[in-house]
Full PDB file with SEQRES, HELIX, SHEET, SSBOND, CRYST1, ORIGX, SCALE, CONECT and MASTER records, all heavy atoms in Angstrom:
SEQRES   1 A   29  TYR ILE ASP ARG GLY MET LEU PRO ASN VAL PHE PRO ASP          
SEQRES   2 A   29  ARG GLY GLU THR PRO GLU TYR ASN THR VAL ASP ALA THR          
SEQRES   3 A   29  LEU TRP TYR                                                  
HELIX    1 AA1 ALA A   25  TRP A   28  1                                   4    
CRYST1    1.000    1.000    1.000  90.00  90.00  90.00 P 1           1          
ORIGX1      1.000000  0.000000  0.000000        0.00000                         
ORIGX2      0.000000  1.000000  0.000000        0.00000                         
ORIGX3      0.000000  0.000000  1.000000        0.00000                         
SCALE1      1.000000  0.000000  0.000000        0.00000                         
SCALE2      0.000000  1.000000  0.000000        0.00000                         
SCALE3      0.000000  0.000000  1.000000        0.00000                         
ATOM      1  N   TYR A   1       0.371  -3.565  -7.465  1.00  0.00           N  
ATOM      2  CA  TYR A   1      -0.504  -2.841  -6.554  1.00  0.00           C  
ATOM      3  C   TYR A   1      -0.154  -1.345  -6.449  1.00  0.00           C  
ATOM      4  O   TYR A   1      -0.753  -0.633  -5.648  1.00  0.00           O  
ATOM      5  CB  TYR A   1      -0.432  -3.468  -5.153  1.00  0.00           C  
ATOM      6  CG  TYR A   1      -1.039  -4.851  -5.082  1.00  0.00           C  
ATOM      7  CD1 TYR A   1      -0.249  -5.986  -5.189  1.00  0.00           C  
ATOM      8  CD2 TYR A   1      -2.413  -5.016  -4.916  1.00  0.00           C  
ATOM      9  CE1 TYR A   1      -0.803  -7.256  -5.118  1.00  0.00           C  
ATOM     10  CE2 TYR A   1      -2.974  -6.277  -4.843  1.00  0.00           C  
ATOM     11  CZ  TYR A   1      -2.162  -7.396  -4.953  1.00  0.00           C  
ATOM     12  OH  TYR A   1      -2.724  -8.653  -4.891  1.00  0.00           O  
ATOM     13  N   ILE A   2       0.797  -0.871  -7.247  1.00  0.00           N  
ATOM     14  CA  ILE A   2       1.145   0.554  -7.227  1.00  0.00           C  
ATOM     15  C   ILE A   2      -0.063   1.368  -7.699  1.00  0.00           C  
ATOM     16  O   ILE A   2      -0.667   1.080  -8.726  1.00  0.00           O  
ATOM     17  CB  ILE A   2       2.362   0.841  -8.112  1.00  0.00           C  
ATOM     18  CG1 ILE A   2       3.610   0.149  -7.538  1.00  0.00           C  
ATOM     19  CG2 ILE A   2       2.602   2.340  -8.228  1.00  0.00           C  
ATOM     20  CD1 ILE A   2       4.838   0.245  -8.434  1.00  0.00           C  
ATOM     21  N   ASP A   3      -0.409   2.373  -6.936  1.00  0.00           N  
ATOM     22  CA  ASP A   3      -1.573   3.198  -7.261  1.00  0.00           C  
ATOM     23  C   ASP A   3      -1.289   4.644  -6.870  1.00  0.00           C  
ATOM     24  O   ASP A   3      -0.905   4.914  -5.733  1.00  0.00           O  
ATOM     25  CB  ASP A   3      -2.809   2.680  -6.519  1.00  0.00           C  
ATOM     26  CG  ASP A   3      -4.074   3.430  -6.884  1.00  0.00           C  
ATOM     27  OD1 ASP A   3      -4.646   3.136  -7.936  1.00  0.00           O  
ATOM     28  OD2 ASP A   3      -4.469   4.321  -6.088  1.00  0.00           O  
ATOM     29  N   ARG A   4      -1.397   5.541  -7.832  1.00  0.00           N  
ATOM     30  CA  ARG A   4      -1.121   6.969  -7.608  1.00  0.00           C  
ATOM     31  C   ARG A   4       0.273   7.156  -7.012  1.00  0.00           C  
ATOM     32  O   ARG A   4       0.493   7.966  -6.126  1.00  0.00           O  
ATOM     33  CB  ARG A   4      -2.189   7.602  -6.704  1.00  0.00           C  
ATOM     34  CG  ARG A   4      -3.569   7.618  -7.335  1.00  0.00           C  
ATOM     35  CD  ARG A   4      -4.631   8.178  -6.410  1.00  0.00           C  
ATOM     36  NE  ARG A   4      -4.367   9.576  -6.073  1.00  0.00           N  
ATOM     37  CZ  ARG A   4      -5.087  10.301  -5.213  1.00  0.00           C  
ATOM     38  NH1 ARG A   4      -6.129   9.724  -4.617  1.00  0.00           N  
ATOM     39  NH2 ARG A   4      -4.794  11.546  -4.966  1.00  0.00           N  
ATOM     40  N   GLY A   5       1.193   6.375  -7.520  1.00  0.00           N  
ATOM     41  CA  GLY A   5       2.581   6.511  -7.106  1.00  0.00           C  
ATOM     42  C   GLY A   5       2.873   5.983  -5.725  1.00  0.00           C  
ATOM     43  O   GLY A   5       3.882   6.357  -5.111  1.00  0.00           O  
ATOM     44  N   MET A   6       2.037   5.076  -5.211  1.00  0.00           N  
ATOM     45  CA  MET A   6       2.211   4.573  -3.853  1.00  0.00           C  
ATOM     46  C   MET A   6       2.080   3.060  -3.796  1.00  0.00           C  
ATOM     47  O   MET A   6       1.242   2.479  -4.503  1.00  0.00           O  
ATOM     48  CB  MET A   6       1.187   5.213  -2.913  1.00  0.00           C  
ATOM     49  CG  MET A   6       1.307   6.718  -2.802  1.00  0.00           C  
ATOM     50  SD  MET A   6      -0.001   7.460  -1.785  1.00  0.00           S  
ATOM     51  CE  MET A   6       0.453   6.847  -0.158  1.00  0.00           C  
ATOM     52  N   LEU A   7       2.894   2.454  -2.956  1.00  0.00           N  
ATOM     53  CA  LEU A   7       2.753   1.036  -2.632  1.00  0.00           C  
ATOM     54  C   LEU A   7       1.752   0.902  -1.486  1.00  0.00           C  
ATOM     55  O   LEU A   7       1.621   1.801  -0.657  1.00  0.00           O  
ATOM     56  CB  LEU A   7       4.090   0.449  -2.193  1.00  0.00           C  
ATOM     57  CG  LEU A   7       4.726  -0.604  -3.105  1.00  0.00           C  
ATOM     58  CD1 LEU A   7       5.047   0.027  -4.449  1.00  0.00           C  
ATOM     59  CD2 LEU A   7       5.988  -1.180  -2.470  1.00  0.00           C  
ATOM     60  N   PRO A   8       1.075  -0.229  -1.398  1.00  0.00           N  
ATOM     61  CA  PRO A   8       0.158  -0.422  -0.263  1.00  0.00           C  
ATOM     62  C   PRO A   8       0.898  -0.418   1.067  1.00  0.00           C  
ATOM     63  O   PRO A   8       2.033  -0.889   1.162  1.00  0.00           O  
ATOM     64  CB  PRO A   8      -0.461  -1.798  -0.523  1.00  0.00           C  
ATOM     65  CG  PRO A   8      -0.208  -2.089  -1.962  1.00  0.00           C  
ATOM     66  CD  PRO A   8       1.068  -1.384  -2.306  1.00  0.00           C  
ATOM     67  N   ASN A   9       0.228   0.095   2.070  1.00  0.00           N  
ATOM     68  CA  ASN A   9       0.769  -0.004   3.428  1.00  0.00           C  
ATOM     69  C   ASN A   9       0.499  -1.373   3.992  1.00  0.00           C  
ATOM     70  O   ASN A   9       1.377  -2.035   4.523  1.00  0.00           O  
ATOM     71  CB  ASN A   9       0.144   1.071   4.326  1.00  0.00           C  
ATOM     72  CG  ASN A   9       0.717   1.067   5.721  1.00  0.00           C  
ATOM     73  OD1 ASN A   9       1.901   0.823   5.900  1.00  0.00           O  
ATOM     74  ND2 ASN A   9      -0.113   1.324   6.712  1.00  0.00           N  
ATOM     75  N   VAL A  10      -0.755  -1.833   3.875  1.00  0.00           N  
ATOM     76  CA  VAL A  10      -1.128  -3.107   4.481  1.00  0.00           C  
ATOM     77  C   VAL A  10      -2.259  -3.735   3.697  1.00  0.00           C  
ATOM     78  O   VAL A  10      -3.133  -3.057   3.157  1.00  0.00           O  
ATOM     79  CB  VAL A  10      -1.546  -2.917   5.960  1.00  0.00           C  
ATOM     80  CG1 VAL A  10      -2.760  -2.019   6.100  1.00  0.00           C  
ATOM     81  CG2 VAL A  10      -1.785  -4.263   6.646  1.00  0.00           C  
ATOM     82  N   PHE A  11      -2.208  -5.068   3.615  1.00  0.00           N  
ATOM     83  CA  PHE A  11      -3.325  -5.848   3.109  1.00  0.00           C  
ATOM     84  C   PHE A  11      -4.135  -6.295   4.334  1.00  0.00           C  
ATOM     85  O   PHE A  11      -3.588  -6.889   5.255  1.00  0.00           O  
ATOM     86  CB  PHE A  11      -2.839  -7.059   2.334  1.00  0.00           C  
ATOM     87  CG  PHE A  11      -2.161  -6.710   1.043  1.00  0.00           C  
ATOM     88  CD1 PHE A  11      -0.787  -6.494   1.017  1.00  0.00           C  
ATOM     89  CD2 PHE A  11      -2.873  -6.573  -0.132  1.00  0.00           C  
ATOM     90  CE1 PHE A  11      -0.143  -6.159  -0.168  1.00  0.00           C  
ATOM     91  CE2 PHE A  11      -2.236  -6.250  -1.317  1.00  0.00           C  
ATOM     92  CZ  PHE A  11      -0.881  -6.042  -1.334  1.00  0.00           C  
ATOM     93  N   PRO A  12      -5.435  -6.015   4.354  1.00  0.00           N  
ATOM     94  CA  PRO A  12      -6.228  -6.383   5.534  1.00  0.00           C  
ATOM     95  C   PRO A  12      -6.320  -7.889   5.696  1.00  0.00           C  
ATOM     96  O   PRO A  12      -6.073  -8.654   4.752  1.00  0.00           O  
ATOM     97  CB  PRO A  12      -7.603  -5.761   5.238  1.00  0.00           C  
ATOM     98  CG  PRO A  12      -7.657  -5.623   3.755  1.00  0.00           C  
ATOM     99  CD  PRO A  12      -6.247  -5.364   3.306  1.00  0.00           C  
ATOM    100  N   ASP A  13      -6.678  -8.308   6.917  1.00  0.00           N  
ATOM    101  CA  ASP A  13      -6.790  -9.740   7.217  1.00  0.00           C  
ATOM    102  C   ASP A  13      -7.824 -10.421   6.313  1.00  0.00           C  
ATOM    103  O   ASP A  13      -7.682 -11.585   5.954  1.00  0.00           O  
ATOM    104  CB  ASP A  13      -7.181  -9.941   8.678  1.00  0.00           C  
ATOM    105  CG  ASP A  13      -5.968 -10.304   9.530  1.00  0.00           C  
ATOM    106  OD1 ASP A  13      -4.865 -10.395   8.969  1.00  0.00           O  
ATOM    107  OD2 ASP A  13      -6.137 -10.479  10.743  1.00  0.00           O  
ATOM    108  N   ARG A  14      -8.867  -9.705   5.981  1.00  0.00           N  
ATOM    109  CA  ARG A  14      -9.882 -10.266   5.080  1.00  0.00           C  
ATOM    110  C   ARG A  14     -10.201  -9.234   4.018  1.00  0.00           C  
ATOM    111  O   ARG A  14     -10.336  -8.057   4.303  1.00  0.00           O  
ATOM    112  CB  ARG A  14     -11.144 -10.670   5.848  1.00  0.00           C  
ATOM    113  CG  ARG A  14     -10.876 -11.787   6.851  1.00  0.00           C  
ATOM    114  CD  ARG A  14     -12.147 -12.261   7.540  1.00  0.00           C  
ATOM    115  NE  ARG A  14     -11.842 -13.247   8.573  1.00  0.00           N  
ATOM    116  CZ  ARG A  14     -11.703 -14.544   8.340  1.00  0.00           C  
ATOM    117  NH1 ARG A  14     -11.856 -15.003   7.123  1.00  0.00           N  
ATOM    118  NH2 ARG A  14     -11.420 -15.366   9.333  1.00  0.00           N  
ATOM    119  N   GLY A  15     -10.338  -9.683   2.779  1.00  0.00           N  
ATOM    120  CA  GLY A  15     -10.622  -8.764   1.686  1.00  0.00           C  
ATOM    121  C   GLY A  15      -9.375  -8.467   0.890  1.00  0.00           C  
ATOM    122  O   GLY A  15      -8.252  -8.675   1.330  1.00  0.00           O  
ATOM    123  N   GLU A  16      -9.561  -7.928  -0.289  1.00  0.00           N  
ATOM    124  CA  GLU A  16      -8.451  -7.737  -1.217  1.00  0.00           C  
ATOM    125  C   GLU A  16      -8.053  -6.277  -1.374  1.00  0.00           C  
ATOM    126  O   GLU A  16      -7.085  -5.981  -2.058  1.00  0.00           O  
ATOM    127  CB  GLU A  16      -8.859  -8.303  -2.587  1.00  0.00           C  
ATOM    128  CG  GLU A  16      -8.958  -9.821  -2.615  1.00  0.00           C  
ATOM    129  CD  GLU A  16      -7.632 -10.497  -2.288  1.00  0.00           C  
ATOM    130  OE1 GLU A  16      -6.587 -10.027  -2.763  1.00  0.00           O  
ATOM    131  OE2 GLU A  16      -7.650 -11.474  -1.538  1.00  0.00           O  
ATOM    132  N   THR A  17      -8.796  -5.324  -0.806  1.00  0.00           N  
ATOM    133  CA  THR A  17      -8.496  -3.921  -1.014  1.00  0.00           C  
ATOM    134  C   THR A  17      -7.444  -3.454  -0.035  1.00  0.00           C  
ATOM    135  O   THR A  17      -7.690  -3.376   1.167  1.00  0.00           O  
ATOM    136  CB  THR A  17      -9.760  -3.061  -0.854  1.00  0.00           C  
ATOM    137  OG1 THR A  17     -10.779  -3.546  -1.738  1.00  0.00           O  
ATOM    138  CG2 THR A  17      -9.458  -1.608  -1.175  1.00  0.00           C  
ATOM    139  N   PRO A  18      -6.254  -3.132  -0.509  1.00  0.00           N  
ATOM    140  CA  PRO A  18      -5.195  -2.710   0.395  1.00  0.00           C  
ATOM    141  C   PRO A  18      -5.377  -1.254   0.832  1.00  0.00           C  
ATOM    142  O   PRO A  18      -6.106  -0.484   0.200  1.00  0.00           O  
ATOM    143  CB  PRO A  18      -3.925  -2.881  -0.433  1.00  0.00           C  
ATOM    144  CG  PRO A  18      -4.381  -2.709  -1.849  1.00  0.00           C  
ATOM    145  CD  PRO A  18      -5.795  -3.247  -1.900  1.00  0.00           C  
ATOM    146  N   GLU A  19      -4.685  -0.883   1.893  1.00  0.00           N  
ATOM    147  CA  GLU A  19      -4.678   0.490   2.377  1.00  0.00           C  
ATOM    148  C   GLU A  19      -3.359   1.144   1.984  1.00  0.00           C  
ATOM    149  O   GLU A  19      -2.322   0.495   1.973  1.00  0.00           O  
ATOM    150  CB  GLU A  19      -4.871   0.500   3.894  1.00  0.00           C  
ATOM    151  CG  GLU A  19      -6.179  -0.148   4.342  1.00  0.00           C  
ATOM    152  CD  GLU A  19      -6.259  -0.309   5.852  1.00  0.00           C  
ATOM    153  OE1 GLU A  19      -5.418   0.274   6.567  1.00  0.00           O  
ATOM    154  OE2 GLU A  19      -7.154  -1.038   6.325  1.00  0.00           O  
ATOM    155  N   TYR A  20      -3.401   2.445   1.680  1.00  0.00           N  
ATOM    156  CA  TYR A  20      -2.225   3.138   1.136  1.00  0.00           C  
ATOM    157  C   TYR A  20      -1.696   4.238   2.049  1.00  0.00           C  
ATOM    158  O   TYR A  20      -1.008   5.141   1.592  1.00  0.00           O  
ATOM    159  CB  TYR A  20      -2.576   3.726  -0.238  1.00  0.00           C  
ATOM    160  CG  TYR A  20      -2.642   2.691  -1.332  1.00  0.00           C  
ATOM    161  CD1 TYR A  20      -3.803   1.962  -1.560  1.00  0.00           C  
ATOM    162  CD2 TYR A  20      -1.523   2.407  -2.116  1.00  0.00           C  
ATOM    163  CE1 TYR A  20      -3.861   1.004  -2.552  1.00  0.00           C  
ATOM    164  CE2 TYR A  20      -1.572   1.442  -3.114  1.00  0.00           C  
ATOM    165  CZ  TYR A  20      -2.749   0.736  -3.319  1.00  0.00           C  
ATOM    166  OH  TYR A  20      -2.791  -0.220  -4.315  1.00  0.00           O  
ATOM    167  N   ASN A  21      -1.983   4.136   3.344  1.00  0.00           N  
ATOM    168  CA  ASN A  21      -1.555   5.185   4.268  1.00  0.00           C  
ATOM    169  C   ASN A  21      -0.098   5.018   4.693  1.00  0.00           C  
ATOM    170  O   ASN A  21       0.234   4.701   5.828  1.00  0.00           O  
ATOM    171  CB  ASN A  21      -2.473   5.233   5.498  1.00  0.00           C  
ATOM    172  CG  ASN A  21      -2.524   3.911   6.241  1.00  0.00           C  
ATOM    173  OD1 ASN A  21      -2.648   2.852   5.641  1.00  0.00           O  
ATOM    174  ND2 ASN A  21      -2.424   3.966   7.556  1.00  0.00           N  
ATOM    175  N   THR A  22       0.801   5.248   3.747  1.00  0.00           N  
ATOM    176  CA  THR A  22       2.232   5.190   4.027  1.00  0.00           C  
ATOM    177  C   THR A  22       2.974   6.106   3.059  1.00  0.00           C  
ATOM    178  O   THR A  22       2.678   6.124   1.848  1.00  0.00           O  
ATOM    179  CB  THR A  22       2.787   3.761   3.896  1.00  0.00           C  
ATOM    180  OG1 THR A  22       4.210   3.806   3.975  1.00  0.00           O  
ATOM    181  CG2 THR A  22       2.399   3.107   2.587  1.00  0.00           C  
ATOM    182  N   VAL A  23       3.921   6.855   3.586  1.00  0.00           N  
ATOM    183  CA  VAL A  23       4.731   7.708   2.733  1.00  0.00           C  
ATOM    184  C   VAL A  23       6.076   7.055   2.394  1.00  0.00           C  
ATOM    185  O   VAL A  23       6.689   7.384   1.377  1.00  0.00           O  
ATOM    186  CB  VAL A  23       4.979   9.094   3.403  1.00  0.00           C  
ATOM    187  CG1 VAL A  23       5.724   8.946   4.722  1.00  0.00           C  
ATOM    188  CG2 VAL A  23       5.724  10.036   2.475  1.00  0.00           C  
ATOM    189  N   ASP A  24       6.519   6.096   3.193  1.00  0.00           N  
ATOM    190  CA  ASP A  24       7.864   5.570   3.015  1.00  0.00           C  
ATOM    191  C   ASP A  24       7.942   4.204   2.354  1.00  0.00           C  
ATOM    192  O   ASP A  24       8.988   3.833   1.834  1.00  0.00           O  
ATOM    193  CB  ASP A  24       8.614   5.526   4.345  1.00  0.00           C  
ATOM    194  CG  ASP A  24       7.860   4.789   5.438  1.00  0.00           C  
ATOM    195  OD1 ASP A  24       6.639   4.637   5.326  1.00  0.00           O  
ATOM    196  OD2 ASP A  24       8.506   4.382   6.436  1.00  0.00           O  
ATOM    197  N   ALA A  25       6.849   3.424   2.360  1.00  0.00           N  
ATOM    198  CA  ALA A  25       6.899   2.086   1.754  1.00  0.00           C  
ATOM    199  C   ALA A  25       7.370   2.156   0.317  1.00  0.00           C  
ATOM    200  O   ALA A  25       8.195   1.353  -0.137  1.00  0.00           O  
ATOM    201  CB  ALA A  25       5.539   1.409   1.844  1.00  0.00           C  
ATOM    202  N   THR A  26       6.839   3.126  -0.431  1.00  0.00           N  
ATOM    203  CA  THR A  26       7.188   3.264  -1.839  1.00  0.00           C  
ATOM    204  C   THR A  26       8.664   3.600  -2.015  1.00  0.00           C  
ATOM    205  O   THR A  26       9.325   3.127  -2.939  1.00  0.00           O  
ATOM    206  CB  THR A  26       6.332   4.368  -2.478  1.00  0.00           C  
ATOM    207  OG1 THR A  26       4.961   4.168  -2.104  1.00  0.00           O  
ATOM    208  CG2 THR A  26       6.443   4.351  -3.983  1.00  0.00           C  
ATOM    209  N   LEU A  27       9.196   4.409  -1.114  1.00  0.00           N  
ATOM    210  CA  LEU A  27      10.605   4.801  -1.215  1.00  0.00           C  
ATOM    211  C   LEU A  27      11.530   3.653  -0.843  1.00  0.00           C  
ATOM    212  O   LEU A  27      12.628   3.522  -1.395  1.00  0.00           O  
ATOM    213  CB  LEU A  27      10.857   6.029  -0.346  1.00  0.00           C  
ATOM    214  CG  LEU A  27       9.984   7.244  -0.678  1.00  0.00           C  
ATOM    215  CD1 LEU A  27      10.272   8.401   0.272  1.00  0.00           C  
ATOM    216  CD2 LEU A  27      10.173   7.673  -2.136  1.00  0.00           C  
ATOM    217  N   TRP A  28      11.092   2.806   0.091  1.00  0.00           N  
ATOM    218  CA  TRP A  28      11.860   1.589   0.396  1.00  0.00           C  
ATOM    219  C   TRP A  28      11.855   0.623  -0.790  1.00  0.00           C  
ATOM    220  O   TRP A  28      12.779  -0.178  -0.937  1.00  0.00           O  
ATOM    221  CB  TRP A  28      11.302   0.900   1.641  1.00  0.00           C  
ATOM    222  CG  TRP A  28      11.725   1.525   2.939  1.00  0.00           C  
ATOM    223  CD1 TRP A  28      10.938   2.195   3.832  1.00  0.00           C  
ATOM    224  CD2 TRP A  28      13.050   1.551   3.484  1.00  0.00           C  
ATOM    225  NE1 TRP A  28      11.691   2.630   4.905  1.00  0.00           N  
ATOM    226  CE2 TRP A  28      12.987   2.246   4.716  1.00  0.00           C  
ATOM    227  CE3 TRP A  28      14.274   1.058   3.061  1.00  0.00           C  
ATOM    228  CZ2 TRP A  28      14.109   2.452   5.510  1.00  0.00           C  
ATOM    229  CZ3 TRP A  28      15.397   1.266   3.867  1.00  0.00           C  
ATOM    230  CH2 TRP A  28      15.307   1.940   5.067  1.00  0.00           C  
ATOM    231  N   TYR A  29      10.846   0.715  -1.630  1.00  0.00           N  
ATOM    232  CA  TYR A  29      10.775  -0.116  -2.845  1.00  0.00           C  
ATOM    233  C   TYR A  29      11.977   0.161  -3.742  1.00  0.00           C  
ATOM    234  O   TYR A  29      12.588  -0.766  -4.307  1.00  0.00           O  
ATOM    235  CB  TYR A  29       9.466   0.176  -3.566  1.00  0.00           C  
ATOM    236  CG  TYR A  29       9.114  -0.725  -4.718  1.00  0.00           C  
ATOM    237  CD1 TYR A  29       9.122  -2.116  -4.592  1.00  0.00           C  
ATOM    238  CD2 TYR A  29       8.730  -0.189  -5.943  1.00  0.00           C  
ATOM    239  CE1 TYR A  29       8.745  -2.931  -5.651  1.00  0.00           C  
ATOM    240  CE2 TYR A  29       8.351  -0.992  -7.007  1.00  0.00           C  
ATOM    241  CZ  TYR A  29       8.373  -2.363  -6.858  1.00  0.00           C  
ATOM    242  OH  TYR A  29       7.987  -3.173  -7.911  1.00  0.00           O  
TER     243      TYR A  29                                                      
MASTER        0    0    0    1    0    0    0    6  242    1    0    3          
END                                                                             
């Protein structure tokens, strides 16, 4: 799910499109 150098912030309760509004999730990876 890495996209433009970012991990998803959250997967919504319904649907498959994740949101990427996080600066630190990728660095914790």
